[in-house]
Every structure is written in C-alpha cells, then in structure tokens.
PDB file of N, CA and C in Angstrom:
ATOM      1  N   MET A   1       2.469  29.963  21.783  1.00  0.00           N
ATOM      2  CA  MET A   1       3.343  29.096  22.566  1.00  0.00           C
ATOM      3  C   MET A   1       3.703  27.895  21.682  1.00  0.00           C
ATOM      4  N   PRO A   2       4.995  27.584  21.521  1.00  0.00           N
ATOM      5  CA  PRO A   2       5.423  26.478  20.687  1.00  0.00           C
ATOM      6  C   PRO A   2       5.040  25.122  21.328  1.00  0.00           C
ATOM      7  N   GLN A   3       4.675  24.218  20.505  1.00  0.00           N
ATOM      8  CA  GLN A   3       4.311  22.886  20.979  1.00  0.00           C
ATOM      9  C   GLN A   3       5.304  21.900  20.383  1.00  0.00           C
ATOM     10  N   ILE A   4       5.988  21.131  21.224  1.00  0.00           N
ATOM     11  CA  ILE A   4       6.949  20.131  20.776  1.00  0.00           C
ATOM     12  C   ILE A   4       6.214  18.829  20.525  1.00  0.00           C
ATOM     13  N   LYS A   5       6.408  18.283  19.336  1.00  0.00           N
ATOM     14  CA  LYS A   5       5.829  16.977  19.022  1.00  0.00           C
ATOM     15  C   LYS A   5       6.969  15.996  18.860  1.00  0.00           C
ATOM     16  N   GLY A   6       6.882  14.858  19.491  1.00  0.00           N
ATOM     17  CA  GLY A   6       7.957  13.862  19.408  1.00  0.00           C
ATOM     18  C   GLY A   6       9.082  14.174  20.361  1.00  0.00           C
ATOM     19  N   PRO A   7      10.212  13.510  20.176  1.00  0.00           N
ATOM     20  CA  PRO A   7      11.333  13.712  21.083  1.00  0.00           C
ATOM     21  C   PRO A   7      11.896  15.133  21.000  1.00  0.00           C
ATOM     22  N   VAL A   8      12.393  15.602  22.145  1.00  0.00           N
ATOM     23  CA  VAL A   8      12.942  16.957  22.220  1.00  0.00           C
ATOM     24  C   VAL A   8      14.317  16.976  21.584  1.00  0.00           C
ATOM     25  N   ARG A   9      14.552  17.982  20.746  1.00  0.00           N
ATOM     26  CA  ARG A   9      15.850  18.143  20.133  1.00  0.00           C
ATOM     27  C   ARG A   9      16.386  19.515  20.540  1.00  0.00           C
ATOM     28  N   ALA A  10      17.672  19.689  20.298  1.00  0.00           N
ATOM     29  CA  ALA A  10      18.321  20.944  20.662  1.00  0.00           C
ATOM     30  C   ALA A  10      17.647  22.124  19.952  1.00  0.00           C
ATOM     31  N   ARG A  11      17.211  21.926  18.735  1.00  0.00           N
ATOM     32  CA  ARG A  11      16.568  23.035  18.000  1.00  0.00           C
ATOM     33  C   ARG A  11      15.228  23.427  18.652  1.00  0.00           C
ATOM     34  N   ASP A  12      14.568  22.414  19.333  1.00  0.00           N
ATOM     35  CA  ASP A  12      13.336  22.746  20.064  1.00  0.00           C
ATOM     36  C   ASP A  12      13.634  23.678  21.235  1.00  0.00           C
ATOM     37  N   LEU A  13      14.708  23.385  21.965  1.00  0.00           N
ATOM     38  CA  LEU A  13      15.109  24.246  23.058  1.00  0.00           C
ATOM     39  C   LEU A  13      15.438  25.642  22.546  1.00  0.00           C
ATOM     40  N   ARG A  14      16.213  25.715  21.485  1.00  0.00           N
ATOM     41  CA  ARG A  14      16.565  27.044  20.948  1.00  0.00           C
ATOM     42  C   ARG A  14      15.320  27.800  20.501  1.00  0.00           C
ATOM     43  N   ALA A  15      14.367  27.096  19.858  1.00  0.00           N
ATOM     44  CA  ALA A  15      13.130  27.754  19.403  1.00  0.00           C
ATOM     45  C   ALA A  15      12.319  28.236  20.580  1.00  0.00           C
ATOM     46  N   ASN A  16      12.223  27.395  21.655  1.00  0.00           N
ATOM     47  CA  ASN A  16      11.491  27.806  22.820  1.00  0.00           C
ATOM     48  C   ASN A  16      12.133  29.022  23.493  1.00  0.00           C
ATOM     49  N   ILE A  17      13.432  29.031  23.567  1.00  0.00           N
ATOM     50  CA  ILE A  17      14.122  30.167  24.181  1.00  0.00           C
ATOM     51  C   ILE A  17      13.890  31.425  23.363  1.00  0.00           C
ATOM     52  N   SER A  18      14.004  31.316  22.033  1.00  0.00           N
ATOM     53  CA  SER A  18      13.818  32.517  21.210  1.00  0.00           C
ATOM     54  C   SER A  18      12.378  33.022  21.232  1.00  0.00           C
ATOM     55  N   GLN A  19      11.412  32.116  21.348  1.00  0.00           N
ATOM     56  CA  GLN A  19      10.008  32.542  21.322  1.00  0.00           C
ATOM     57  C   GLN A  19       9.474  32.912  22.709  1.00  0.00           C
ATOM     58  N   LEU A  20       9.973  32.245  23.759  1.00  0.00           N
ATOM     59  CA  LEU A  20       9.402  32.451  25.085  1.00  0.00           C
ATOM     60  C   LEU A  20      10.359  33.149  26.045  1.00  0.00           C
ATOM     61  N   GLY A  21      11.605  33.336  25.661  1.00  0.00           N
ATOM     62  CA  GLY A  21      12.607  33.863  26.583  1.00  0.00           C
ATOM     63  C   GLY A  21      13.326  32.704  27.243  1.00  0.00           C
ATOM     64  N   PHE A  22      14.455  33.024  27.849  1.00  0.00           N
ATOM     65  CA  PHE A  22      15.316  31.957  28.376  1.00  0.00           C
ATOM     66  C   PHE A  22      14.619  31.120  29.446  1.00  0.00           C
ATOM     67  N   GLU A  23      14.150  31.774  30.515  1.00  0.00           N
ATOM     68  CA  GLU A  23      13.618  31.003  31.650  1.00  0.00           C
ATOM     69  C   GLU A  23      12.373  30.194  31.242  1.00  0.00           C
ATOM     70  N   LYS A  24      11.406  30.839  30.619  1.00  0.00           N
ATOM     71  CA  LYS A  24      10.187  30.142  30.246  1.00  0.00           C
ATOM     72  C   LYS A  24      10.469  29.090  29.169  1.00  0.00           C
ATOM     73  N   GLY A  25      11.368  29.399  28.227  1.00  0.00           N
ATOM     74  CA  GLY A  25      11.692  28.405  27.183  1.00  0.00           C
ATOM     75  C   GLY A  25      12.339  27.153  27.769  1.00  0.00           C
ATOM     76  N   VAL A  26      13.259  27.382  28.726  1.00  0.00           N
ATOM     77  CA  VAL A  26      13.921  26.227  29.346  1.00  0.00           C
ATOM     78  C   VAL A  26      12.909  25.428  30.164  1.00  0.00           C
ATOM     79  N   ILE A  27      12.050  26.109  30.911  1.00  0.00           N
ATOM     80  CA  ILE A  27      11.024  25.430  31.707  1.00  0.00           C
ATOM     81  C   ILE A  27      10.106  24.592  30.841  1.00  0.00           C
ATOM     82  N   GLU A  28       9.633  25.196  29.761  1.00  0.00           N
ATOM     83  CA  GLU A  28       8.730  24.453  28.851  1.00  0.00           C
ATOM     84  C   GLU A  28       9.417  23.209  28.290  1.00  0.00           C
ATOM     85  N   THR A  29      10.664  23.370  27.888  1.00  0.00           N
ATOM     86  CA  THR A  29      11.412  22.234  27.324  1.00  0.00           C
ATOM     87  C   THR A  29      11.652  21.170  28.376  1.00  0.00           C
ATOM     88  N   LEU A  30      12.005  21.577  29.591  1.00  0.00           N
ATOM     89  CA  LEU A  30      12.217  20.587  30.669  1.00  0.00           C
ATOM     90  C   LEU A  30      10.950  19.849  31.008  1.00  0.00           C
ATOM     91  N   GLU A  31       9.837  20.572  31.034  1.00  0.00           N
ATOM     92  CA  GLU A  31       8.561  19.928  31.309  1.00  0.00           C
ATOM     93  C   GLU A  31       8.259  18.851  30.275  1.00  0.00           C
ATOM     94  N   HIS A  32       8.509  19.193  29.008  1.00  0.00           N
ATOM     95  CA  HIS A  32       8.281  18.226  27.947  1.00  0.00           C
ATOM     96  C   HIS A  32       9.220  17.031  28.086  1.00  0.00           C
ATOM     97  N   LEU A  33      10.481  17.301  28.434  1.00  0.00           N
ATOM     98  CA  LEU A  33      11.433  16.213  28.622  1.00  0.00           C
ATOM     99  C   LEU A  33      11.012  15.294  29.777  1.00  0.00           C
ATOM    100  N   LEU A  34      10.510  15.874  30.846  1.00  0.00           N
ATOM    101  CA  LEU A  34      10.049  15.062  31.994  1.00  0.00           C
ATOM    102  C   LEU A  34       8.840  14.222  31.604  1.00  0.00           C
ATOM    103  N   ASP A  35       7.909  14.792  30.863  1.00  0.00           N
ATOM    104  CA  ASP A  35       6.748  14.025  30.371  1.00  0.00           C
ATOM    105  C   ASP A  35       7.222  12.871  29.490  1.00  0.00           C
ATOM    106  N   GLU A  36       8.179  13.169  28.628  1.00  0.00           N
ATOM    107  CA  GLU A  36       8.723  12.160  27.737  1.00  0.00           C
ATOM    108  C   GLU A  36       9.413  11.040  28.554  1.00  0.00           C
ATOM    109  N   HIS A  37      10.136  11.431  29.602  1.00  0.00           N
ATOM    110  CA  HIS A  37      10.821  10.471  30.461  1.00  0.00           C
ATOM    111  C   HIS A  37       9.809   9.540  31.133  1.00  0.00           C
ATOM    112  N   VAL A  38       8.731  10.091  31.660  1.00  0.00           N
ATOM    113  CA  VAL A  38       7.671   9.272  32.289  1.00  0.00           C
ATOM    114  C   VAL A  38       7.095   8.294  31.276  1.00  0.00           C
ATOM    115  N   SER A  39       6.836   8.783  30.100  1.00  0.00           N
ATOM    116  CA  SER A  39       6.270   7.919  29.039  1.00  0.00           C
ATOM    117  C   SER A  39       7.246   6.801  28.688  1.00  0.00           C
ATOM    118  N   LEU A  40       8.519   7.106  28.580  1.00  0.00           N
ATOM    119  CA  LEU A  40       9.507   6.082  28.247  1.00  0.00           C
ATOM    120  C   LEU A  40       9.594   5.040  29.380  1.00  0.00           C
ATOM    121  N   ARG A  41       9.548   5.489  30.623  1.00  0.00           N
ATOM    122  CA  ARG A  41       9.582   4.546  31.731  1.00  0.00           C
ATOM    123  C   ARG A  41       8.382   3.606  31.715  1.00  0.00           C
ATOM    124  N   GLN A  42       7.217   4.149  31.402  1.00  0.00           N
ATOM    125  CA  GLN A  42       6.010   3.298  31.309  1.00  0.00           C
ATOM    126  C   GLN A  42       6.162   2.299  30.193  1.00  0.00           C
ATOM    127  N   HIS A  43       6.666   2.724  29.046  1.00  0.00           N
ATOM    128  CA  HIS A  43       6.834   1.796  27.927  1.00  0.00           C
ATOM    129  C   HIS A  43       7.868   0.717  28.293  1.00  0.00           C
ATOM    130  N   MET A  44       8.905   1.087  29.011  1.00  0.00           N
ATOM    131  CA  MET A  44       9.912   0.111  29.428  1.00  0.00           C
ATOM    132  C   MET A  44       9.276  -0.925  30.373  1.00  0.00           C
ATOM    133  N   ARG A  45       8.424  -0.480  31.289  1.00  0.00           N
ATOM    134  CA  ARG A  45       7.742  -1.394  32.184  1.00  0.00           C
ATOM    135  C   ARG A  45       6.851  -2.361  31.399  1.00  0.00           C
ATOM    136  N   GLU A  46       6.113  -1.847  30.445  1.00  0.00           N
ATOM    137  CA  GLU A  46       5.228  -2.678  29.619  1.00  0.00           C
ATOM    138  C   GLU A  46       6.034  -3.684  28.804  1.00  0.00           C
ATOM    139  N   LEU A  47       7.164  -3.208  28.221  1.00  0.00           N
ATOM    140  CA  LEU A  47       7.992  -4.138  27.446  1.00  0.00           C
ATOM    141  C   LEU A  47       8.644  -5.200  28.319  1.00  0.00           C
ATOM    142  N   THR A  48       9.024  -4.824  29.539  1.00  0.00           N
ATOM    143  CA  THR A  48       9.578  -5.776  30.485  1.00  0.00           C
ATOM    144  C   THR A  48       8.574  -6.870  30.813  1.00  0.00           C
ATOM    145  N   GLU A  49       7.315  -6.431  31.070  1.00  0.00           N
ATOM    146  CA  GLU A  49       6.244  -7.406  31.352  1.00  0.00           C
ATOM    147  C   GLU A  49       6.046  -8.343  30.172  1.00  0.00           C
ATOM    148  N   LEU A  50       5.981  -7.761  28.969  1.00  0.00           N
ATOM    149  CA  LEU A  50       5.776  -8.555  27.765  1.00  0.00           C
ATOM    150  C   LEU A  50       6.919  -9.574  27.577  1.00  0.00           C
ATOM    151  N   THR A  51       8.147  -9.111  27.795  1.00  0.00           N
ATOM    152  CA  THR A  51       9.308 -10.006  27.670  1.00  0.00           C
ATOM    153  C   THR A  51       9.224 -11.133  28.695  1.00  0.00           C
ATOM    154  N   ALA A  52       8.849 -10.824  29.918  1.00  0.00           N
ATOM    155  CA  ALA A  52       8.723 -11.861  30.948  1.00  0.00           C
ATOM    156  C   ALA A  52       7.653 -12.868  30.554  1.00  0.00           C
ATOM    157  N   LYS A  53       6.543 -12.413  29.993  1.00  0.00           N
ATOM    158  CA  LYS A  53       5.501 -13.336  29.544  1.00  0.00           C
ATOM    159  C   LYS A  53       6.008 -14.206  28.381  1.00  0.00           C
ATOM    160  N   CYS A  54       6.772 -13.613  27.476  1.00  0.00           N
ATOM    161  CA  CYS A  54       7.324 -14.394  26.377  1.00  0.00           C
ATOM    162  C   CYS A  54       8.287 -15.471  26.897  1.00  0.00           C
ATOM    163  N   ILE A  55       9.105 -15.109  27.857  1.00  0.00           N
ATOM    164  CA  ILE A  55      10.039 -16.066  28.457  1.00  0.00           C
ATOM    165  C   ILE A  55       9.270 -17.206  29.110  1.00  0.00           C
ATOM    166  N   ASP A  56       8.201 -16.872  29.836  1.00  0.00           N
ATOM    167  CA  ASP A  56       7.366 -17.907  30.466  1.00  0.00           C
ATOM    168  C   ASP A  56       6.817 -18.873  29.417  1.00  0.00           C
ATOM    169  N   GLU A  57       6.348 -18.324  28.288  1.00  0.00           N
ATOM    170  CA  GLU A  57       5.796 -19.167  27.234  1.00  0.00           C
ATOM    171  C   GLU A  57       6.872 -20.067  26.629  1.00  0.00           C
ATOM    172  N   VAL A  58       8.067 -19.517  26.417  1.00  0.00           N
ATOM    173  CA  VAL A  58       9.149 -20.335  25.860  1.00  0.00           C
ATOM    174  C   VAL A  58       9.536 -21.438  26.843  1.00  0.00           C
ATOM    175  N   GLU A  59       9.549 -21.129  28.156  1.00  0.00           N
ATOM    176  CA  GLU A  59       9.855 -22.166  29.150  1.00  0.00           C
ATOM    177  C   GLU A  59       8.812 -23.271  29.107  1.00  0.00           C
ATOM    178  N   LYS A  60       7.535 -22.909  28.928  1.00  0.00           N
ATOM    179  CA  LYS A  60       6.479 -23.917  28.826  1.00  0.00           C
ATOM    180  C   LYS A  60       6.712 -24.788  27.594  1.00  0.00           C
ATOM    181  N   MET A  61       7.057 -24.158  26.477  1.00  0.00           N
ATOM    182  CA  MET A  61       7.303 -24.924  25.257  1.00  0.00           C
ATOM    183  C   MET A  61       8.482 -25.860  25.393  1.00  0.00           C
ATOM    184  N   VAL A  62       9.534 -25.421  26.048  1.00  0.00           N
ATOM    185  CA  VAL A  62      10.716 -26.255  26.279  1.00  0.00           C
ATOM    186  C   VAL A  62      10.316 -27.445  27.147  1.00  0.00           C
ATOM    187  N   HIS A  63       9.531 -27.200  28.173  1.00  0.00           N
ATOM    188  CA  HIS A  63       9.089 -28.284  29.060  1.00  0.00           C
ATOM    189  C   HIS A  63       8.243 -29.292  28.285  1.00  0.00           C
ATOM    190  N   ILE A  64       7.288 -28.788  27.483  1.00  0.00           N
ATOM    191  CA  ILE A  64       6.457 -29.653  26.667  1.00  0.00           C
ATOM    192  C   ILE A  64       7.309 -30.439  25.667  1.00  0.00           C
ATOM    193  N   GLY A  65       8.271 -29.773  25.052  1.00  0.00           N
ATOM    194  CA  GLY A  65       9.166 -30.444  24.112  1.00  0.00           C
ATOM    195  C   GLY A  65       9.941 -31.571  24.781  1.00  0.00           C
ATOM    196  N   GLY A  66      10.392 -31.320  26.009  1.00  0.00           N
ATOM    197  CA  GLY A  66      11.107 -32.356  26.753  1.00  0.00           C
ATOM    198  C   GLY A  66      10.211 -33.539  27.068  1.00  0.00           C
ATOM    199  N   ALA A  67       8.981 -33.267  27.446  1.00  0.00           N
ATOM    200  CA  ALA A  67       8.029 -34.341  27.719  1.00  0.00           C
ATOM    201  C   ALA A  67       7.721 -35.131  26.445  1.00  0.00           C
ATOM    202  N   ILE A  68       7.571 -34.460  25.334  1.00  0.00           N
ATOM    203  CA  ILE A  68       7.308 -35.154  24.071  1.00  0.00           C
ATOM    204  C   ILE A  68       8.499 -36.038  23.711  1.00  0.00           C
ATOM    205  N   GLN A  69       9.714 -35.525  23.888  1.00  0.00           N
ATOM    206  CA  GLN A  69      10.913 -36.304  23.584  1.00  0.00           C
ATOM    207  C   GLN A  69      10.999 -37.528  24.452  1.00  0.00           C
ATOM    208  N   THR A  70      10.669 -37.363  25.736  1.00  0.00           N
ATOM    209  CA  THR A  70      10.643 -38.537  26.640  1.00  0.00           C
ATOM    210  C   THR A  70       9.638 -39.578  26.192  1.00  0.00           C
ATOM    211  N   ASN A  71       8.462 -39.140  25.771  1.00  0.00           N
ATOM    212  CA  ASN A  71       7.431 -40.079  25.282  1.00  0.00           C
ATOM    213  C   ASN A  71       7.900 -40.768  23.998  1.00  0.00           C
ATOM    214  N   ILE A  72       8.515 -40.031  23.110  1.00  0.00           N
ATOM    215  CA  ILE A  72       9.016 -40.605  21.857  1.00  0.00           C
ATOM    216  C   ILE A  72      10.087 -41.667  22.150  1.00  0.00           C
ATOM    217  N   ASP A  73      11.012 -41.337  23.073  1.00  0.00           N
ATOM    218  CA  ASP A  73      12.048 -42.285  23.447  1.00  0.00           C
ATOM    219  C   ASP A  73      11.437 -43.552  24.061  1.00  0.00           C
ATOM    220  N   GLN A  74      10.419 -43.385  24.887  1.00  0.00           N
ATOM    221  CA  GLN A  74       9.755 -44.529  25.513  1.00  0.00           C
ATOM    222  C   GLN A  74       9.075 -45.397  24.461  1.00  0.00           C
ATOM    223  N   ILE A  75       8.396 -44.786  23.499  1.00  0.00           N
ATOM    224  CA  ILE A  75       7.746 -45.549  22.427  1.00  0.00           C
ATOM    225  C   ILE A  75       8.791 -46.291  21.600  1.00  0.00           C
ATOM    226  N   LYS A  76       9.929 -45.644  21.319  1.00  0.00           N
ATOM    227  CA  LYS A  76      10.992 -46.329  20.540  1.00  0.00           C
ATOM    228  C   LYS A  76      11.497 -47.534  21.298  1.00  0.00           C
ATOM    229  N   ARG A  77      11.714 -47.383  22.638  1.00  0.00           N
ATOM    230  CA  ARG A  77      12.203 -48.525  23.434  1.00  0.00           C
ATOM    231  C   ARG A  77      11.183 -49.658  23.431  1.00  0.00           C
ATOM    232  N   GLU A  78       9.912 -49.307  23.539  1.00  0.00           N
ATOM    233  CA  GLU A  78       8.864 -50.334  23.537  1.00  0.00           C
ATOM    234  C   GLU A  78       8.817 -51.056  22.207  1.00  0.00           C
ATOM    235  N   ARG A  79       8.935 -50.321  21.145  1.00  0.00           N
ATOM    236  CA  ARG A  79       8.914 -50.937  19.788  1.00  0.00           C
ATOM    237  C   ARG A  79      10.129 -51.830  19.588  1.00  0.00           C
ATOM    238  N   GLN A  80      11.294 -51.364  20.076  1.00  0.00           N
ATOM    239  CA  GLN A  80      12.492 -52.172  19.950  1.00  0.00           C
ATOM    240  C   GLN A  80      12.338 -53.457  20.742  1.00  0.00           C
ATOM    241  N   GLY A  81      11.718 -53.355  21.938  1.00  0.00           N
ATOM    242  CA  GLY A  81      11.489 -54.525  22.757  1.00  0.00           C
ATOM    243  C   GLY A  81      10.549 -55.515  22.056  1.00  0.00           C
ATOM    244  N   GLU A  82       9.504 -54.980  21.411  1.00  0.00           N
ATOM    245  CA  GLU A  82       8.566 -55.822  20.670  1.00  0.00           C
ATOM    246  C   GLU A  82       9.253 -56.482  19.483  1.00  0.00           C
ATOM    247  N   ASP A  83      10.106 -55.716  18.790  1.00  0.00           N
ATOM    248  CA  ASP A  83      10.823 -56.261  17.636  1.00  0.00           C
ATOM    249  C   ASP A  83      11.765 -57.369  18.091  1.00  0.00           C
ATOM    250  N   ASN A  84      12.452 -57.175  19.195  1.00  0.00           N
ATOM    251  CA  ASN A  84      13.376 -58.180  19.705  1.00  0.00           C
ATOM    252  C   ASN A  84      12.598 -59.422  20.181  1.00  0.00           C
ATOM    253  N   GLY A  85      11.425 -59.207  20.746  1.00  0.00           N
ATOM    254  CA  GLY A  85      10.567 -60.318  21.196  1.00  0.00           C
ATOM    255  C   GLY A  85      10.078 -61.143  20.025  1.00  0.00           C
ATOM    256  N   GLU A  86       9.754 -60.519  18.910  1.00  0.00           N
ATOM    257  CA  GLU A  86       9.245 -61.213  17.754  1.00  0.00           C
ATOM    258  C   GLU A  86      10.351 -62.045  17.100  1.00  0.00           C
ATOM    259  N   GLN A  87      11.583 -61.499  17.137  1.00  0.00           N
ATOM    260  CA  GLN A  87      12.695 -62.206  16.471  1.00  0.00           C
ATOM    261  C   GLN A  87      13.143 -63.414  17.292  1.00  0.00           C
ATOM    262  N   GLY A  88      13.049 -63.326  18.609  1.00  0.00           N
ATOM    263  CA  GLY A  88      13.590 -64.384  19.460  1.00  0.00           C
ATOM    264  C   GLY A  88      12.639 -65.425  19.735  1.00  0.00           C
TER     265      GLY A  88
END
C-alpha cells in the first residue's frame, strides 16, 4: 500500500489509482487530504493565537513607550522651569 509523505500531489493520486485501483486509490488519497486539512487548520489556529499574543505584547510596548515619553516630557518641563527660575 503506497504511503504519501508530505502534501498530496497529482502524481500521488495517479500512483494510488494505479497501485490500488480507482476507488481505493481515490479513497486513500482523499483520506490523506482530509488529514492534511485537519493538520493545516490546527496550525492556523496555533499561528492565530501566536499572532494575537504578539499583538498584545506590541500594544503593551506602545503603552509603555507612551508612558516613558510622558515622563520624559514632564522632566524636560521641570528642568526648563528650574532653568528659568535660576535665571530670573
């Protein structure tokens, strides 16, 4: 019985049909395609979760960056106020 490794190609279907006959060859190939489809769906779910986590982390970094910028601006204003106070 032929064993398909990796993605199904047209030559795999032809080989299955020639070795197993039309009905059994098509069934074997379809079963492999369905297994492959399930695997791809699972990988897509995992990648979607990973992407969502990455987006969450980027949002946190943007928020932290905004807070840092606010603090820097506040320090600059305070220093400018001190400099103006010293001059006057």
